[in-house]
Amino acid sequence: MSINDIIRAPEKLACDKRIHMLVGVLLTSVLVVMGVNVGLTVVIVSTIGILVEVYQLKSGAGAYDVMDALAVLIGSILVAVPVWIVP
C-alpha cells in the first residue's frame, strides 16, 4: 500500500495502524499540555514507538512491524504541526 492509496482511501488503512496513530496523537497531546517543547515531544514519542517495535522484535512478544513505529510518528506529527504553527 502506497502513500497515495492511504490518502485516497483512508478506510483501507488497517485498524492496527489507526490505533498506533491514535497512540501517537494521545502521547503528543499529553506531553504538549504538560509544557514539553513540541520538537522534543515528537522525538520522545517517535523514540517510544521505535523502542516498542525493537522490544517486540528482540523478545518475540507481539507482532513486530516497522510501519507501526511510522504510524506512531505520523500521529505525533498530526498534533505537533498545528501546535507549532499556531503557538
Protein backbone atom coordinates (compact mmCIF):
# COMPACT_ATOMS: atom_id res chain seq x y z
CA MET A 1 0.00 0.00 0.00
CA SER A 2 1.46 3.33 -1.05
CA ILE A 3 1.00 6.79 0.47
CA ASN A 4 -1.30 7.72 -2.43
CA ASP A 5 -3.55 4.77 -1.60
CA ILE A 6 -3.77 5.91 2.02
CA ILE A 7 -4.58 9.49 1.03
CA ARG A 8 -7.23 8.44 -1.48
CA ALA A 9 -8.83 5.71 0.62
CA PRO A 10 -8.12 6.04 4.37
CA GLU A 11 -10.60 3.27 5.13
CA LYS A 12 -8.03 0.85 3.66
CA LEU A 13 -5.64 1.77 6.48
CA ALA A 14 -5.53 -1.19 8.84
CA CYS A 15 -7.22 -0.84 12.21
CA ASP A 16 -3.89 -1.66 13.85
CA LYS A 17 -2.23 1.34 12.19
CA ARG A 18 -5.11 3.60 13.19
CA ILE A 19 -4.60 2.57 16.81
CA HIS A 20 -0.86 3.31 16.58
CA MET A 21 -1.63 6.72 15.09
CA LEU A 22 -4.06 7.38 17.94
CA VAL A 23 -1.35 6.46 20.45
CA GLY A 24 0.97 8.98 18.78
CA VAL A 25 -1.74 11.65 18.91
CA LEU A 26 -2.53 10.99 22.57
CA LEU A 27 1.08 10.84 23.76
CA THR A 28 1.95 14.03 21.90
CA SER A 29 -1.15 15.80 23.21
CA VAL A 30 -0.34 14.88 26.79
CA LEU A 31 3.27 16.00 26.51
CA VAL A 32 2.34 19.29 24.83
CA VAL A 33 -0.26 20.02 27.52
CA MET A 34 2.42 19.31 30.14
CA GLY A 35 4.52 22.03 28.52
CA VAL A 36 7.17 19.94 26.80
CA ASN A 37 8.71 21.55 23.69
CA VAL A 38 6.90 20.42 20.52
CA GLY A 39 10.05 19.28 18.72
CA LEU A 40 11.22 17.35 21.75
CA THR A 41 7.77 15.82 22.06
CA VAL A 42 7.94 14.40 18.53
CA VAL A 43 11.39 12.97 19.27
CA ILE A 44 10.20 11.40 22.54
CA VAL A 45 7.06 9.88 21.02
CA SER A 46 8.84 8.53 17.94
CA THR A 47 11.57 7.06 20.15
CA ILE A 48 8.93 5.31 22.24
CA GLY A 49 7.36 3.90 19.08
CA ILE A 50 10.71 2.64 17.81
CA LEU A 51 11.70 1.15 21.17
CA VAL A 52 8.41 -0.74 21.42
CA GLU A 53 8.99 -2.25 17.98
CA VAL A 54 12.61 -3.16 18.83
CA TYR A 55 11.39 -4.79 22.04
CA GLN A 56 8.82 -6.80 20.07
CA LEU A 57 11.49 -7.87 17.59
CA LYS A 58 14.02 -8.94 20.23
CA SER A 59 11.64 -10.57 22.68
CA GLY A 60 9.20 -12.15 20.26
CA ALA A 61 6.33 -10.59 22.17
CA GLY A 62 3.73 -9.07 19.88
CA ALA A 63 3.96 -8.58 16.16
CA TYR A 64 6.99 -6.61 15.01
CA ASP A 65 6.19 -4.12 12.22
CA VAL A 66 8.21 -1.07 11.22
CA MET A 67 5.04 0.54 9.88
CA ASP A 68 3.66 0.59 13.45
CA ALA A 69 6.51 2.88 14.54
CA LEU A 70 5.89 5.03 11.46
CA ALA A 71 2.19 5.25 12.31
CA VAL A 72 3.06 6.49 15.82
CA LEU A 73 5.32 9.14 14.29
CA ILE A 74 2.61 10.25 11.85
CA GLY A 75 0.12 10.53 14.71
CA SER A 76 2.60 12.64 16.64
CA ILE A 77 3.19 14.92 13.67
CA LEU A 78 -0.57 15.36 13.18
CA VAL A 79 -0.67 17.08 16.58
CA ALA A 80 2.73 18.75 16.54
CA VAL A 81 2.43 20.67 13.29
CA PRO A 82 -0.73 22.62 14.18
CA VAL A 83 0.63 23.31 17.69
CA TRP A 84 3.90 24.53 16.20
CA ILE A 85 2.19 26.72 13.56
CA VAL A 86 -0.34 28.25 15.96
CA PRO A 87 1.53 28.94 19.22
